[in-house]
Amino acid sequence: MYRLLAIDLDGTLLTPPPHKHITARARRALRQAAEAGVTIVIATGQNLAVLQSICGDLPLNGPQIIENGAVIADIHGTIYHEKHLPREHILPVLALLRASGFYRAYHTLHRVYVDQDTPRAREWYRPPVPPVIEVGDVASLYPLPCIKVVGIAEEEKVRAKRSEFEQRFAGQLYVTQSSFDLIEFLHPEVSKGNALRIITADLGIAPEEVVAIGDNHNDIGMLRLAGLGVAMGNAHEEVKAAADYVTGSNAEDGVAVVIEEMLK
């Protein structure tokens, strides 16, 4: 019997843009899972305000994974674990991204700052989530405590540069792709997989009792940790290759399909 369900948000539990909502079928499946005693963990690269806005009415009674694992908190905002980007790496990462032609985002615990005219940034958050704050140069925010730095560029550039950035900061930072146009730099001990490992240890749940569902590079760690790692039908091929099973896409209620099978 699986005891914990870890689910990515964008591209997984949420339907595709522009609506990006949780379907009635998925909500019903999540509620039934919780009633059956399954612990539900949302594992997202988004911040706490987004989690609260989108998932506030879901049966989430324990720790949740936000900011790609840099923060573990409950839906009410109680923080259990938090790791900031090491200060000595903030400016070098920002400089590398600028030199590579990326726009940049600087995440603090409660707000997100972006370079002026960053593509799509004004569309990232909907009320009541606070909007991003545009500044002339996000490097001017240093040494404000930073959860993560994010680079924003075209999909081809992000995928082409990810390996180079991973090698540049190997052993120093965790570098991951969280969306088609986003690459993130975090504390070296941070990832969704590591956060899930912390949560399962705290709750006394074995990894083989976990189902993890995701669609992007930043989900691979938790898919590999889980007893059953599930990739969405819309996932990139590298994610599908790391999974035990591929479900339907986020336009086909792939998450609900998995949960319904779990509960049979």
C-alpha atoms as a PDB file:
ATOM      1  CA  MET A   1       0.000   0.000   0.000  1.00  0.00           C
ATOM      2  CA  TYR A   2       1.315   3.415  -0.934  1.00  0.00           C
ATOM      3  CA  ARG A   3       1.250   5.882   1.961  1.00  0.00           C
ATOM      4  CA  LEU A   4       2.446   9.128   0.388  1.00  0.00           C
ATOM      5  CA  LEU A   5       1.708  10.846  -2.907  1.00  0.00           C
ATOM      6  CA  ALA A   6       4.108  13.575  -4.117  1.00  0.00           C
ATOM      7  CA  ILE A   7       2.766  15.625  -7.022  1.00  0.00           C
ATOM      8  CA  ASP A   8       4.334  18.367  -9.087  1.00  0.00           C
ATOM      9  CA  LEU A   9       2.114  21.356  -9.848  1.00  0.00           C
ATOM     10  CA  ASP A  10       2.770  23.060 -13.214  1.00  0.00           C
ATOM     11  CA  GLY A  11       2.557  20.646 -16.120  1.00  0.00           C
ATOM     12  CA  THR A  12       1.322  17.888 -13.814  1.00  0.00           C
ATOM     13  CA  LEU A  13      -1.574  18.593 -11.446  1.00  0.00           C
ATOM     14  CA  LEU A  14      -2.498  21.818 -13.257  1.00  0.00           C
ATOM     15  CA  THR A  15      -4.087  21.710 -16.692  1.00  0.00           C
ATOM     16  CA  PRO A  16      -2.179  23.381 -19.545  1.00  0.00           C
ATOM     17  CA  PRO A  17      -2.114  27.172 -20.025  1.00  0.00           C
ATOM     18  CA  PRO A  18      -3.950  29.437 -20.208  1.00  0.00           C
ATOM     19  CA  HIS A  19      -6.381  28.007 -17.628  1.00  0.00           C
ATOM     20  CA  LYS A  20      -3.938  26.092 -15.386  1.00  0.00           C
ATOM     21  CA  HIS A  21      -6.438  24.744 -12.895  1.00  0.00           C
ATOM     22  CA  ILE A  22      -7.038  21.542 -10.921  1.00  0.00           C
ATOM     23  CA  THR A  23      -9.895  19.559 -12.459  1.00  0.00           C
ATOM     24  CA  ALA A  24     -12.898  18.346 -10.498  1.00  0.00           C
ATOM     25  CA  ARG A  25     -11.822  14.773 -11.187  1.00  0.00           C
ATOM     26  CA  ALA A  26      -8.351  15.386  -9.756  1.00  0.00           C
ATOM     27  CA  ARG A  27      -9.792  17.132  -6.688  1.00  0.00           C
ATOM     28  CA  ARG A  28     -12.130  14.200  -6.087  1.00  0.00           C
ATOM     29  CA  ALA A  29      -9.260  11.702  -6.427  1.00  0.00           C
ATOM     30  CA  LEU A  30      -7.075  13.674  -4.016  1.00  0.00           C
ATOM     31  CA  ARG A  31      -9.862  13.861  -1.472  1.00  0.00           C
ATOM     32  CA  GLN A  32     -10.466  10.115  -1.732  1.00  0.00           C
ATOM     33  CA  ALA A  33      -6.750   9.430  -1.322  1.00  0.00           C
ATOM     34  CA  ALA A  34      -6.609  11.567   1.818  1.00  0.00           C
ATOM     35  CA  GLU A  35      -9.681   9.801   3.209  1.00  0.00           C
ATOM     36  CA  ALA A  36      -7.881   6.498   2.598  1.00  0.00           C
ATOM     37  CA  GLY A  37      -4.982   7.693   4.776  1.00  0.00           C
ATOM     38  CA  VAL A  38      -2.567   8.742   2.011  1.00  0.00           C
ATOM     39  CA  THR A  39      -0.406  11.769   2.818  1.00  0.00           C
ATOM     40  CA  ILE A  40      -0.438  14.273  -0.037  1.00  0.00           C
ATOM     41  CA  VAL A  41       2.611  16.421  -0.757  1.00  0.00           C
ATOM     42  CA  ILE A  42       2.638  19.084  -3.444  1.00  0.00           C
ATOM     43  CA  ALA A  43       6.175  19.413  -4.814  1.00  0.00           C
ATOM     44  CA  THR A  44       6.560  22.638  -6.745  1.00  0.00           C
ATOM     45  CA  GLY A  45       9.115  25.152  -7.890  1.00  0.00           C
ATOM     46  CA  GLN A  46       6.571  27.852  -7.071  1.00  0.00           C
ATOM     47  CA  ASN A  47       6.549  29.867  -3.866  1.00  0.00           C
ATOM     48  CA  LEU A  48       4.372  29.618  -0.767  1.00  0.00           C
ATOM     49  CA  ALA A  49       1.882  32.253  -1.947  1.00  0.00           C
ATOM     50  CA  VAL A  50       1.190  30.271  -5.132  1.00  0.00           C
ATOM     51  CA  LEU A  51       0.782  27.038  -3.163  1.00  0.00           C
ATOM     52  CA  GLN A  52      -1.697  28.699  -0.812  1.00  0.00           C
ATOM     53  CA  SER A  53      -3.636  30.322  -3.651  1.00  0.00           C
ATOM     54  CA  ILE A  54      -3.957  27.236  -5.844  1.00  0.00           C
ATOM     55  CA  CYS A  55      -3.989  24.419  -3.287  1.00  0.00           C
ATOM     56  CA  GLY A  56      -5.453  26.031  -0.176  1.00  0.00           C
ATOM     57  CA  ASP A  57      -8.612  23.933  -0.341  1.00  0.00           C
ATOM     58  CA  LEU A  58      -6.882  20.598  -0.964  1.00  0.00           C
ATOM     59  CA  PRO A  59      -6.487  18.021   1.860  1.00  0.00           C
ATOM     60  CA  LEU A  60      -2.883  18.966   2.632  1.00  0.00           C
ATOM     61  CA  ASN A  61      -2.221  18.242   6.294  1.00  0.00           C
ATOM     62  CA  GLY A  62       1.553  17.991   6.360  1.00  0.00           C
ATOM     63  CA  PRO A  63       4.771  19.415   4.954  1.00  0.00           C
ATOM     64  CA  GLN A  64       4.819  20.594   1.348  1.00  0.00           C
ATOM     65  CA  ILE A  65       7.763  21.093  -1.031  1.00  0.00           C
ATOM     66  CA  ILE A  66       8.083  24.595  -2.459  1.00  0.00           C
ATOM     67  CA  GLU A  67      10.796  26.522  -4.321  1.00  0.00           C
ATOM     68  CA  ASN A  68      12.046  23.174  -5.713  1.00  0.00           C
ATOM     69  CA  GLY A  69      12.834  21.940  -2.212  1.00  0.00           C
ATOM     70  CA  ALA A  70      14.596  25.027  -0.883  1.00  0.00           C
ATOM     71  CA  VAL A  71      11.643  25.415   1.491  1.00  0.00           C
ATOM     72  CA  ILE A  72       9.534  22.764   3.208  1.00  0.00           C
ATOM     73  CA  ALA A  73       6.431  24.295   4.775  1.00  0.00           C
ATOM     74  CA  ASP A  74       2.813  23.481   5.493  1.00  0.00           C
ATOM     75  CA  ILE A  75      -0.077  25.119   3.670  1.00  0.00           C
ATOM     76  CA  HIS A  76      -0.512  27.588   6.548  1.00  0.00           C
ATOM     77  CA  GLY A  77       3.040  28.907   6.211  1.00  0.00           C
ATOM     78  CA  THR A  78       4.836  27.116   9.027  1.00  0.00           C
ATOM     79  CA  ILE A  79       8.375  26.513   7.747  1.00  0.00           C
ATOM     80  CA  TYR A  80      10.092  23.256   8.693  1.00  0.00           C
ATOM     81  CA  HIS A  81      13.232  23.442   6.553  1.00  0.00           C
ATOM     82  CA  GLU A  82      14.777  26.273   4.548  1.00  0.00           C
ATOM     83  CA  LYS A  83      18.046  26.587   2.624  1.00  0.00           C
ATOM     84  CA  HIS A  84      19.141  29.780   0.913  1.00  0.00           C
ATOM     85  CA  LEU A  85      21.408  30.077  -2.098  1.00  0.00           C
ATOM     86  CA  PRO A  86      24.950  30.515  -0.674  1.00  0.00           C
ATOM     87  CA  ARG A  87      25.739  34.237  -0.727  1.00  0.00           C
ATOM     88  CA  GLU A  88      29.121  33.795  -2.388  1.00  0.00           C
ATOM     89  CA  HIS A  89      27.435  32.344  -5.484  1.00  0.00           C
ATOM     90  CA  ILE A  90      24.625  34.872  -5.976  1.00  0.00           C
ATOM     91  CA  LEU A  91      26.550  37.509  -7.924  1.00  0.00           C
ATOM     92  CA  PRO A  92      28.577  35.019 -10.022  1.00  0.00           C
ATOM     93  CA  VAL A  93      25.358  33.261 -11.094  1.00  0.00           C
ATOM     94  CA  LEU A  94      23.679  36.550 -11.950  1.00  0.00           C
ATOM     95  CA  ALA A  95      26.727  37.677 -13.928  1.00  0.00           C
ATOM     96  CA  LEU A  96      26.928  34.378 -15.834  1.00  0.00           C
ATOM     97  CA  LEU A  97      23.257  34.527 -16.755  1.00  0.00           C
ATOM     98  CA  ARG A  98      23.534  38.110 -17.997  1.00  0.00           C
ATOM     99  CA  ALA A  99      26.642  37.283 -20.028  1.00  0.00           C
ATOM    100  CA  SER A 100      24.771  34.304 -21.524  1.00  0.00           C
ATOM    101  CA  GLY A 101      21.844  36.438 -22.653  1.00  0.00           C
ATOM    102  CA  PHE A 102      19.329  35.371 -19.994  1.00  0.00           C
ATOM    103  CA  TYR A 103      16.849  37.503 -18.101  1.00  0.00           C
ATOM    104  CA  ARG A 104      17.041  36.848 -14.366  1.00  0.00           C
ATOM    105  CA  ALA A 105      14.769  36.413 -11.355  1.00  0.00           C
ATOM    106  CA  TYR A 106      15.820  36.803  -7.713  1.00  0.00           C
ATOM    107  CA  HIS A 107      13.596  34.865  -5.293  1.00  0.00           C
ATOM    108  CA  THR A 108      13.294  35.842  -1.666  1.00  0.00           C
ATOM    109  CA  LEU A 109      11.039  33.941   0.716  1.00  0.00           C
ATOM    110  CA  HIS A 110       8.041  36.188   0.052  1.00  0.00           C
ATOM    111  CA  ARG A 111       8.661  38.106  -3.188  1.00  0.00           C
ATOM    112  CA  VAL A 112      10.117  37.582  -6.653  1.00  0.00           C
ATOM    113  CA  TYR A 113      12.144  40.272  -8.420  1.00  0.00           C
ATOM    114  CA  VAL A 114      12.979  40.216 -12.147  1.00  0.00           C
ATOM    115  CA  ASP A 115      14.994  42.243 -14.599  1.00  0.00           C
ATOM    116  CA  GLN A 116      12.996  44.922 -16.391  1.00  0.00           C
ATOM    117  CA  ASP A 117      10.994  43.605 -19.379  1.00  0.00           C
ATOM    118  CA  THR A 118      11.530  39.925 -18.529  1.00  0.00           C
ATOM    119  CA  PRO A 119       9.303  37.909 -20.937  1.00  0.00           C
ATOM    120  CA  ARG A 120       6.153  36.394 -19.420  1.00  0.00           C
ATOM    121  CA  ALA A 121       7.063  37.568 -15.901  1.00  0.00           C
ATOM    122  CA  ARG A 122       3.935  39.681 -15.536  1.00  0.00           C
ATOM    123  CA  GLU A 123       1.877  36.571 -16.335  1.00  0.00           C
ATOM    124  CA  TRP A 124       3.499  34.314 -13.728  1.00  0.00           C
ATOM    125  CA  TYR A 125       1.196  35.157 -10.848  1.00  0.00           C
ATOM    126  CA  ARG A 126      -2.486  35.911 -10.598  1.00  0.00           C
ATOM    127  CA  PRO A 127      -4.128  37.788  -7.696  1.00  0.00           C
ATOM    128  CA  PRO A 128      -4.090  37.270  -4.756  1.00  0.00           C
ATOM    129  CA  VAL A 129      -0.476  36.164  -5.332  1.00  0.00           C
ATOM    130  CA  PRO A 130       1.748  39.284  -5.187  1.00  0.00           C
ATOM    131  CA  PRO A 131       3.060  40.188  -8.667  1.00  0.00           C
ATOM    132  CA  VAL A 132       6.737  40.108  -9.545  1.00  0.00           C
ATOM    133  CA  ILE A 133       8.677  43.310  -8.959  1.00  0.00           C
ATOM    134  CA  GLU A 134      10.618  44.572 -11.967  1.00  0.00           C
ATOM    135  CA  VAL A 135      13.954  46.272 -11.287  1.00  0.00           C
ATOM    136  CA  GLY A 136      16.660  47.632 -13.558  1.00  0.00           C
ATOM    137  CA  ASP A 137      19.220  45.060 -12.410  1.00  0.00           C
ATOM    138  CA  VAL A 138      18.355  42.267  -9.959  1.00  0.00           C
ATOM    139  CA  ALA A 139      22.015  42.123  -8.912  1.00  0.00           C
ATOM    140  CA  SER A 140      21.353  45.409  -7.081  1.00  0.00           C
ATOM    141  CA  LEU A 141      19.274  43.409  -4.563  1.00  0.00           C
ATOM    142  CA  TYR A 142      22.368  41.623  -3.230  1.00  0.00           C
ATOM    143  CA  PRO A 143      22.948  40.795  -0.350  1.00  0.00           C
ATOM    144  CA  LEU A 144      19.213  40.342   0.237  1.00  0.00           C
ATOM    145  CA  PRO A 145      18.744  36.679   1.332  1.00  0.00           C
ATOM    146  CA  CYS A 146      18.056  34.666  -1.815  1.00  0.00           C
ATOM    147  CA  ILE A 147      16.147  31.380  -2.050  1.00  0.00           C
ATOM    148  CA  LYS A 148      17.127  30.863  -5.688  1.00  0.00           C
ATOM    149  CA  VAL A 149      18.211  32.630  -8.856  1.00  0.00           C
ATOM    150  CA  VAL A 150      16.333  31.812 -12.046  1.00  0.00           C
ATOM    151  CA  GLY A 151      17.418  32.342 -15.644  1.00  0.00           C
ATOM    152  CA  ILE A 152      14.758  32.990 -18.273  1.00  0.00           C
ATOM    153  CA  ALA A 153      15.330  32.414 -22.002  1.00  0.00           C
ATOM    154  CA  GLU A 154      14.002  30.597 -25.053  1.00  0.00           C
ATOM    155  CA  GLU A 155      13.540  26.833 -24.676  1.00  0.00           C
ATOM    156  CA  GLU A 156      16.391  25.995 -27.061  1.00  0.00           C
ATOM    157  CA  LYS A 157      18.844  28.190 -25.163  1.00  0.00           C
ATOM    158  CA  VAL A 158      17.817  26.814 -21.760  1.00  0.00           C
ATOM    159  CA  ARG A 159      18.327  23.199 -22.830  1.00  0.00           C
ATOM    160  CA  ALA A 160      21.559  24.035 -24.661  1.00  0.00           C
ATOM    161  CA  LYS A 161      23.054  25.851 -21.667  1.00  0.00           C
ATOM    162  CA  ARG A 162      21.829  23.623 -18.844  1.00  0.00           C
ATOM    163  CA  SER A 163      24.680  21.111 -19.089  1.00  0.00           C
ATOM    164  CA  GLU A 164      27.254  23.906 -19.264  1.00  0.00           C
ATOM    165  CA  PHE A 165      25.803  25.576 -16.161  1.00  0.00           C
ATOM    166  CA  GLU A 166      25.616  22.252 -14.301  1.00  0.00           C
ATOM    167  CA  GLN A 167      29.300  21.635 -14.998  1.00  0.00           C
ATOM    168  CA  ARG A 168      30.258  25.203 -14.091  1.00  0.00           C
ATOM    169  CA  PHE A 169      28.720  24.865 -10.624  1.00  0.00           C
ATOM    170  CA  ALA A 170      29.193  21.122 -10.066  1.00  0.00           C
ATOM    171  CA  GLY A 171      29.453  20.408  -6.350  1.00  0.00           C
ATOM    172  CA  GLN A 172      28.645  24.027  -5.545  1.00  0.00           C
ATOM    173  CA  LEU A 173      25.003  24.490  -6.571  1.00  0.00           C
ATOM    174  CA  TYR A 174      21.973  22.510  -7.669  1.00  0.00           C
ATOM    175  CA  VAL A 175      21.098  23.522 -11.236  1.00  0.00           C
ATOM    176  CA  THR A 176      17.809  22.368 -12.703  1.00  0.00           C
ATOM    177  CA  GLN A 177      15.262  23.156 -15.391  1.00  0.00           C
ATOM    178  CA  SER A 178      11.795  23.762 -13.991  1.00  0.00           C
ATOM    179  CA  SER A 179       9.953  24.866 -17.143  1.00  0.00           C
ATOM    180  CA  PHE A 180      10.598  25.089 -20.858  1.00  0.00           C
ATOM    181  CA  ASP A 181      12.089  28.572 -20.396  1.00  0.00           C
ATOM    182  CA  LEU A 182      13.392  28.510 -16.800  1.00  0.00           C
ATOM    183  CA  ILE A 183      16.674  27.282 -15.315  1.00  0.00           C
ATOM    184  CA  GLU A 184      17.218  27.505 -11.569  1.00  0.00           C
ATOM    185  CA  PHE A 185      20.238  27.756  -9.260  1.00  0.00           C
ATOM    186  CA  LEU A 186      19.814  26.636  -5.639  1.00  0.00           C
ATOM    187  CA  HIS A 187      21.731  25.466  -2.573  1.00  0.00           C
ATOM    188  CA  PRO A 188      23.678  22.274  -3.434  1.00  0.00           C
ATOM    189  CA  GLU A 189      21.675  20.202  -0.939  1.00  0.00           C
ATOM    190  CA  VAL A 190      18.348  21.340  -2.372  1.00  0.00           C
ATOM    191  CA  SER A 191      16.120  19.394  -4.766  1.00  0.00           C
ATOM    192  CA  LYS A 192      12.618  17.984  -4.772  1.00  0.00           C
ATOM    193  CA  GLY A 193      14.141  14.546  -4.283  1.00  0.00           C
ATOM    194  CA  ASN A 194      16.108  15.602  -1.211  1.00  0.00           C
ATOM    195  CA  ALA A 195      13.089  17.408   0.235  1.00  0.00           C
ATOM    196  CA  LEU A 196      10.962  14.311  -0.288  1.00  0.00           C
ATOM    197  CA  ARG A 197      13.639  12.232   1.442  1.00  0.00           C
ATOM    198  CA  ILE A 198      13.501  14.584   4.463  1.00  0.00           C
ATOM    199  CA  ILE A 199       9.709  14.454   4.614  1.00  0.00           C
ATOM    200  CA  THR A 200       9.484  10.669   4.383  1.00  0.00           C
ATOM    201  CA  ALA A 201      12.111  10.303   7.108  1.00  0.00           C
ATOM    202  CA  ASP A 202      10.251  12.766   9.356  1.00  0.00           C
ATOM    203  CA  LEU A 203       6.964  10.914   8.803  1.00  0.00           C
ATOM    204  CA  GLY A 204       8.421   7.417   9.084  1.00  0.00           C
ATOM    205  CA  ILE A 205       7.428   6.491   5.541  1.00  0.00           C
ATOM    206  CA  ALA A 206       9.701   4.278   3.426  1.00  0.00           C
ATOM    207  CA  PRO A 207      10.568   5.446  -0.113  1.00  0.00           C
ATOM    208  CA  GLU A 208       8.960   2.314  -1.549  1.00  0.00           C
ATOM    209  CA  GLU A 209       5.654   3.506  -0.027  1.00  0.00           C
ATOM    210  CA  VAL A 210       5.761   6.688  -2.129  1.00  0.00           C
ATOM    211  CA  VAL A 211       4.256   7.545  -5.514  1.00  0.00           C
ATOM    212  CA  ALA A 212       5.788  10.629  -7.162  1.00  0.00           C
ATOM    213  CA  ILE A 213       4.376  12.294 -10.286  1.00  0.00           C
ATOM    214  CA  GLY A 214       6.063  14.958 -12.418  1.00  0.00           C
ATOM    215  CA  ASP A 215       6.842  16.266 -15.879  1.00  0.00           C
ATOM    216  CA  ASN A 216      10.133  18.185 -15.870  1.00  0.00           C
ATOM    217  CA  HIS A 217      13.857  17.869 -15.141  1.00  0.00           C
ATOM    218  CA  ASN A 218      13.403  19.124 -11.570  1.00  0.00           C
ATOM    219  CA  ASP A 219      11.067  16.174 -10.847  1.00  0.00           C
ATOM    220  CA  ILE A 220      13.523  13.428 -11.785  1.00  0.00           C
ATOM    221  CA  GLY A 221      15.071  13.138  -8.316  1.00  0.00           C
ATOM    222  CA  MET A 222      11.779  12.454  -6.587  1.00  0.00           C
ATOM    223  CA  LEU A 223      10.652  10.072  -9.338  1.00  0.00           C
ATOM    224  CA  ARG A 224      13.817   8.035  -8.780  1.00  0.00           C
ATOM    225  CA  LEU A 225      13.425   8.108  -4.996  1.00  0.00           C
ATOM    226  CA  ALA A 226       9.809   6.945  -5.015  1.00  0.00           C
ATOM    227  CA  GLY A 227       8.671   3.352  -5.050  1.00  0.00           C
ATOM    228  CA  LEU A 228       6.640   4.322  -8.113  1.00  0.00           C
ATOM    229  CA  GLY A 229       7.893   7.223 -10.206  1.00  0.00           C
ATOM    230  CA  VAL A 230       5.310   8.434 -12.718  1.00  0.00           C
ATOM    231  CA  ALA A 231       5.961  10.754 -15.663  1.00  0.00           C
ATOM    232  CA  MET A 232       3.183  12.715 -17.285  1.00  0.00           C
ATOM    233  CA  GLY A 233       2.339  12.057 -20.906  1.00  0.00           C
ATOM    234  CA  ASN A 234       3.410  15.634 -21.662  1.00  0.00           C
ATOM    235  CA  ALA A 235       6.782  15.160 -19.915  1.00  0.00           C
ATOM    236  CA  HIS A 236      10.100  15.585 -21.677  1.00  0.00           C
ATOM    237  CA  GLU A 237      11.672  12.317 -22.847  1.00  0.00           C
ATOM    238  CA  GLU A 238      14.443  12.481 -20.233  1.00  0.00           C
ATOM    239  CA  VAL A 239      11.774  12.514 -17.507  1.00  0.00           C
ATOM    240  CA  LYS A 240       9.910   9.587 -19.046  1.00  0.00           C
ATOM    241  CA  ALA A 241      13.183   7.647 -19.191  1.00  0.00           C
ATOM    242  CA  ALA A 242      13.653   8.128 -15.429  1.00  0.00           C
ATOM    243  CA  ALA A 243      10.100   7.026 -14.568  1.00  0.00           C
ATOM    244  CA  ASP A 244       8.643   3.598 -13.846  1.00  0.00           C
ATOM    245  CA  TYR A 245       5.400   4.446 -15.576  1.00  0.00           C
ATOM    246  CA  VAL A 246       3.968   7.076 -17.946  1.00  0.00           C
ATOM    247  CA  THR A 247       0.414   8.282 -17.385  1.00  0.00           C
ATOM    248  CA  GLY A 248      -1.783  10.555 -19.473  1.00  0.00           C
ATOM    249  CA  SER A 249      -0.941  14.198 -20.043  1.00  0.00           C
ATOM    250  CA  ASN A 250      -2.063  17.080 -17.842  1.00  0.00           C
ATOM    251  CA  ALA A 251      -4.761  17.746 -20.440  1.00  0.00           C
ATOM    252  CA  GLU A 252      -6.029  14.178 -19.929  1.00  0.00           C
ATOM    253  CA  ASP A 253      -6.259  14.100 -16.117  1.00  0.00           C
ATOM    254  CA  GLY A 254      -3.119  11.964 -15.900  1.00  0.00           C
ATOM    255  CA  VAL A 255      -2.770  12.580 -12.159  1.00  0.00           C
ATOM    256  CA  ALA A 256      -6.343  11.517 -11.435  1.00  0.00           C
ATOM    257  CA  VAL A 257      -5.795   8.332 -13.459  1.00  0.00           C
ATOM    258  CA  VAL A 258      -2.809   7.393 -11.277  1.00  0.00           C
ATOM    259  CA  ILE A 259      -4.602   8.085  -8.010  1.00  0.00           C
ATOM    260  CA  GLU A 260      -7.683   6.151  -9.073  1.00  0.00           C
ATOM    261  CA  GLU A 261      -5.484   3.162  -9.882  1.00  0.00           C
ATOM    262  CA  MET A 262      -3.749   3.509  -6.495  1.00  0.00           C
ATOM    263  CA  LEU A 263      -7.036   3.332  -4.658  1.00  0.00           C
ATOM    264  CA  LYS A 264      -8.399   0.226  -6.386  1.00  0.00           C
END
